[in-house]
């Protein structure tokens, strides 16, 4: 029984030693792996920083383009408004002139009609008096 207990203790001791060796070698492996991770982490941070910088620059550029676009559309809108108002005023002025000309023509026609009517009356009276 003592032999069994001793053998069992030896086995446990060997397993503990193996576990310790395994843990020690695992920790060495982890340390070795951490070094590249730390370097990779620095590289990753640099990459992330670069991407964030690009995003900021892109955002700034887009904002500038939007502002420029707004200014251009505002200027174009103002120009269009001015041109439309000018075209409107010119057309209204043209139609106003046409109305004046038509009224003048109408008054001349009315005056001519009255004179013709008077001449007809005179001619009729002259014709009636000769008969």
C-alpha atoms as a PDB file:
ATOM      1  CA  UNK A   1       0.000   0.000   0.000  1.00  0.00           C
ATOM      2  CA  UNK A   2       2.852   2.249   0.774  1.00  0.00           C
ATOM      3  CA  UNK A   3       4.229   1.462  -2.644  1.00  0.00           C
ATOM      4  CA  UNK A   4       0.970   2.484  -4.213  1.00  0.00           C
ATOM      5  CA  UNK A   5       0.916   5.695  -2.220  1.00  0.00           C
ATOM      6  CA  UNK A   6       4.534   6.427  -3.173  1.00  0.00           C
ATOM      7  CA  UNK A   7       3.910   5.700  -6.807  1.00  0.00           C
ATOM      8  CA  UNK A   8       0.823   7.858  -6.725  1.00  0.00           C
ATOM      9  CA  UNK A   9       2.782  10.687  -5.070  1.00  0.00           C
ATOM     10  CA  UNK A  10       5.570  10.334  -7.666  1.00  0.00           C
ATOM     11  CA  UNK A  11       3.022  10.457 -10.480  1.00  0.00           C
ATOM     12  CA  UNK A  12       1.445  13.575  -8.997  1.00  0.00           C
ATOM     13  CA  UNK A  13       4.870  15.145  -8.584  1.00  0.00           C
ATOM     14  CA  UNK A  14       5.745  14.366 -12.191  1.00  0.00           C
ATOM     15  CA  UNK A  15       2.419  15.754 -13.371  1.00  0.00           C
ATOM     16  CA  UNK A  16       2.946  18.896 -11.300  1.00  0.00           C
ATOM     17  CA  UNK A  17       6.445  19.295 -12.731  1.00  0.00           C
ATOM     18  CA  UNK A  18       5.130  18.745 -16.233  1.00  0.00           C
ATOM     19  CA  UNK A  19       2.344  21.256 -15.602  1.00  0.00           C
ATOM     20  CA  UNK A  20       4.849  23.776 -14.236  1.00  0.00           C
ATOM     21  CA  UNK A  21       7.160  23.195 -17.190  1.00  0.00           C
ATOM     22  CA  UNK A  22       4.212  23.478 -19.511  1.00  0.00           C
ATOM     23  CA  UNK A  23       3.063  26.683 -17.829  1.00  0.00           C
ATOM     24  CA  UNK A  24       6.593  28.025 -17.907  1.00  0.00           C
ATOM     25  CA  UNK A  25       6.977  27.234 -21.596  1.00  0.00           C
ATOM     26  CA  UNK A  26       3.483  28.633 -22.250  1.00  0.00           C
ATOM     27  CA  UNK A  27       4.386  31.866 -20.486  1.00  0.00           C
ATOM     28  CA  UNK A  28       7.602  32.064 -22.511  1.00  0.00           C
ATOM     29  CA  UNK A  29       5.602  31.569 -25.696  1.00  0.00           C
ATOM     30  CA  UNK A  30       3.105  34.222 -24.609  1.00  0.00           C
ATOM     31  CA  UNK A  31       5.943  36.640 -23.871  1.00  0.00           C
ATOM     32  CA  UNK A  32       7.475  35.971 -27.270  1.00  0.00           C
ATOM     33  CA  UNK A  33       4.082  36.456 -28.905  1.00  0.00           C
ATOM     34  CA  UNK A  34       3.458  39.669 -26.973  1.00  0.00           C
ATOM     35  CA  UNK A  35       6.533  41.325 -28.395  1.00  0.00           C
ATOM     36  CA  UNK A  36       5.256  41.149 -31.986  1.00  0.00           C
ATOM     37  CA  UNK A  37       1.783  42.046 -30.738  1.00  0.00           C
ATOM     38  CA  UNK A  38       3.207  45.123 -29.070  1.00  0.00           C
ATOM     39  CA  UNK A  39       4.998  46.017 -32.287  1.00  0.00           C
ATOM     40  CA  UNK A  40       1.931  45.130 -34.294  1.00  0.00           C
ATOM     41  CA  UNK A  41      -0.091  47.171 -31.871  1.00  0.00           C
ATOM     42  CA  UNK A  42       2.151  50.188 -32.491  1.00  0.00           C
ATOM     43  CA  UNK A  43       1.880  49.599 -36.225  1.00  0.00           C
ATOM     44  CA  UNK A  44      -1.860  49.177 -35.832  1.00  0.00           C
ATOM     45  CA  UNK A  45      -2.076  52.418 -33.872  1.00  0.00           C
ATOM     46  CA  UNK A  46      -0.111  54.173 -36.598  1.00  0.00           C
ATOM     47  CA  UNK A  47      -2.442  52.725 -39.237  1.00  0.00           C
ATOM     48  CA  UNK A  48      -5.507  53.707 -37.237  1.00  0.00           C
ATOM     49  CA  UNK A  49      -4.089  57.178 -36.707  1.00  0.00           C
ATOM     50  CA  UNK A  50      -3.414  57.478 -40.437  1.00  0.00           C
ATOM     51  CA  UNK A  51      -6.942  56.409 -41.313  1.00  0.00           C
ATOM     52  CA  UNK A  52      -8.435  58.823 -38.773  1.00  0.00           C
ATOM     53  CA  UNK A  53      -6.307  61.614 -40.221  1.00  0.00           C
ATOM     54  CA  UNK A  54      -7.522  60.736 -43.726  1.00  0.00           C
ATOM     55  CA  UNK A  55     -11.117  60.762 -42.454  1.00  0.00           C
ATOM     56  CA  UNK A  56     -10.628  64.207 -40.919  1.00  0.00           C
ATOM     57  CA  UNK A  57      -9.062  65.546 -44.110  1.00  0.00           C
ATOM     58  CA  UNK A  58     -11.837  64.017 -46.207  1.00  0.00           C
ATOM     59  CA  UNK A  59     -14.504  65.455 -43.912  1.00  0.00           C
ATOM     60  CA  UNK A  60     -12.881  68.881 -44.117  1.00  0.00           C
ATOM     61  CA  UNK A  61     -12.663  68.659 -47.921  1.00  0.00           C
ATOM     62  CA  UNK A  62     -16.308  67.603 -48.213  1.00  0.00           C
ATOM     63  CA  UNK A  63     -17.326  70.481 -45.934  1.00  0.00           C
ATOM     64  CA  UNK A  64     -15.355  72.914 -48.090  1.00  0.00           C
ATOM     65  CA  UNK A  65     -16.963  71.522 -51.247  1.00  0.00           C
ATOM     66  CA  UNK A  66     -20.414  71.818 -49.698  1.00  0.00           C
ATOM     67  CA  UNK A  67     -19.776  75.429 -48.714  1.00  0.00           C
ATOM     68  CA  UNK A  68     -18.417  76.220 -52.172  1.00  0.00           C
ATOM     69  CA  UNK A  69     -21.422  74.509 -53.745  1.00  0.00           C
ATOM     70  CA  UNK A  70     -23.819  76.460 -51.547  1.00  0.00           C
ATOM     71  CA  UNK A  71     -22.129  79.732 -52.514  1.00  0.00           C
ATOM     72  CA  UNK A  72     -22.243  78.847 -56.215  1.00  0.00           C
ATOM     73  CA  UNK A  73     -25.911  77.857 -56.047  1.00  0.00           C
ATOM     74  CA  UNK A  74     -26.699  81.052 -54.126  1.00  0.00           C
ATOM     75  CA  UNK A  75     -24.889  83.156 -56.742  1.00  0.00           C
ATOM     76  CA  UNK A  76     -26.575  81.263 -59.571  1.00  0.00           C
ATOM     77  CA  UNK A  77     -29.936  81.614 -57.855  1.00  0.00           C
ATOM     78  CA  UNK A  78     -29.426  85.353 -57.429  1.00  0.00           C
ATOM     79  CA  UNK A  79     -28.361  85.697 -61.075  1.00  0.00           C
ATOM     80  CA  UNK A  80     -31.353  83.679 -62.248  1.00  0.00           C
ATOM     81  CA  UNK A  81     -33.691  85.769 -60.124  1.00  0.00           C
ATOM     82  CA  UNK A  82     -32.247  89.005 -61.531  1.00  0.00           C
ATOM     83  CA  UNK A  83     -32.516  87.728 -65.111  1.00  0.00           C
ATOM     84  CA  UNK A  84     -36.092  86.537 -64.621  1.00  0.00           C
ATOM     85  CA  UNK A  85     -37.077  89.874 -63.119  1.00  0.00           C
ATOM     86  CA  UNK A  86     -35.407  91.700 -66.023  1.00  0.00           C
ATOM     87  CA  UNK A  87     -37.174  89.483 -68.600  1.00  0.00           C
ATOM     88  CA  UNK A  88     -40.480  89.993 -66.779  1.00  0.00           C
ATOM     89  CA  UNK A  89     -40.058  93.769 -66.670  1.00  0.00           C
ATOM     90  CA  UNK A  90     -39.049  93.905 -70.349  1.00  0.00           C
ATOM     91  CA  UNK A  91     -42.056  91.809 -71.371  1.00  0.00           C
ATOM     92  CA  UNK A  92     -44.477  93.864 -69.275  1.00  0.00           C
ATOM     93  CA  UNK A  93     -42.974  97.063 -70.737  1.00  0.00           C
ATOM     94  CA  UNK A  94     -43.377  95.645 -74.256  1.00  0.00           C
ATOM     95  CA  UNK A  95     -47.016  94.741 -73.634  1.00  0.00           C
ATOM     96  CA  UNK A  96     -47.640  98.145 -72.059  1.00  0.00           C
ATOM     97  CA  UNK A  97     -46.294  99.791 -75.229  1.00  0.00           C
ATOM     98  CA  UNK A  98     -48.504  97.535 -77.357  1.00  0.00           C
ATOM     99  CA  UNK A  99     -51.517  98.547 -75.260  1.00  0.00           C
ATOM    100  CA  UNK A 100     -50.669 102.243 -75.703  1.00  0.00           C
ATOM    101  CA  UNK A 101     -50.329 101.751 -79.457  1.00  0.00           C
ATOM    102  CA  UNK A 102     -53.632  99.869 -79.612  1.00  0.00           C
ATOM    103  CA  UNK A 103     -55.411 102.582 -77.599  1.00  0.00           C
ATOM    104  CA  UNK A 104     -53.929 105.278 -79.828  1.00  0.00           C
ATOM    105  CA  UNK A 105     -54.962 103.342 -82.934  1.00  0.00           C
ATOM    106  CA  UNK A 106     -58.429 102.843 -81.472  1.00  0.00           C
ATOM    107  CA  UNK A 107     -58.823 106.557 -80.748  1.00  0.00           C
ATOM    108  CA  UNK A 108     -57.607 107.443 -84.273  1.00  0.00           C
ATOM    109  CA  UNK A 109     -60.014 104.881 -85.742  1.00  0.00           C
ATOM    110  CA  UNK A 110     -62.874 106.249 -83.647  1.00  0.00           C
ATOM    111  CA  UNK A 111     -62.060 109.799 -84.712  1.00  0.00           C
ATOM    112  CA  UNK A 112     -61.935 108.707 -88.359  1.00  0.00           C
ATOM    113  CA  UNK A 113     -65.248 106.864 -87.989  1.00  0.00           C
ATOM    114  CA  UNK A 114     -66.897 109.967 -86.532  1.00  0.00           C
ATOM    115  CA  UNK A 115     -65.569 112.121 -89.399  1.00  0.00           C
ATOM    116  CA  UNK A 116     -66.749 109.596 -91.985  1.00  0.00           C
ATOM    117  CA  UNK A 117     -70.162 109.528 -90.356  1.00  0.00           C
ATOM    118  CA  UNK A 118     -70.290 113.329 -90.439  1.00  0.00           C
ATOM    119  CA  UNK A 119     -69.284 113.334 -94.114  1.00  0.00           C
ATOM    120  CA  UNK A 120     -72.000 110.764 -94.865  1.00  0.00           C
ATOM    121  CA  UNK A 121     -74.562 112.914 -93.088  1.00  0.00           C
ATOM    122  CA  UNK A 122     -73.437 115.976 -95.047  1.00  0.00           C
ATOM    123  CA  UNK A 123     -73.530 114.084 -98.332  1.00  0.00           C
ATOM    124  CA  UNK A 124     -76.956 112.738 -97.535  1.00  0.00           C
ATOM    125  CA  UNK A 125     -78.234 116.184 -96.628  1.00  0.00           C
ATOM    126  CA  UNK A 126     -76.763 117.594 -99.838  1.00  0.00           C
ATOM    127  CA  UNK A 127     -78.375 114.816-101.808  1.00  0.00           C
ATOM    128  CA  UNK A 128     -81.711 115.402-100.117  1.00  0.00           C
ATOM    129  CA  UNK A 129     -81.528 119.148-100.730  1.00  0.00           C
ATOM    130  CA  UNK A 130     -80.789 118.692-104.460  1.00  0.00           C
ATOM    131  CA  UNK A 131     -83.750 116.512-104.968  1.00  0.00           C
END
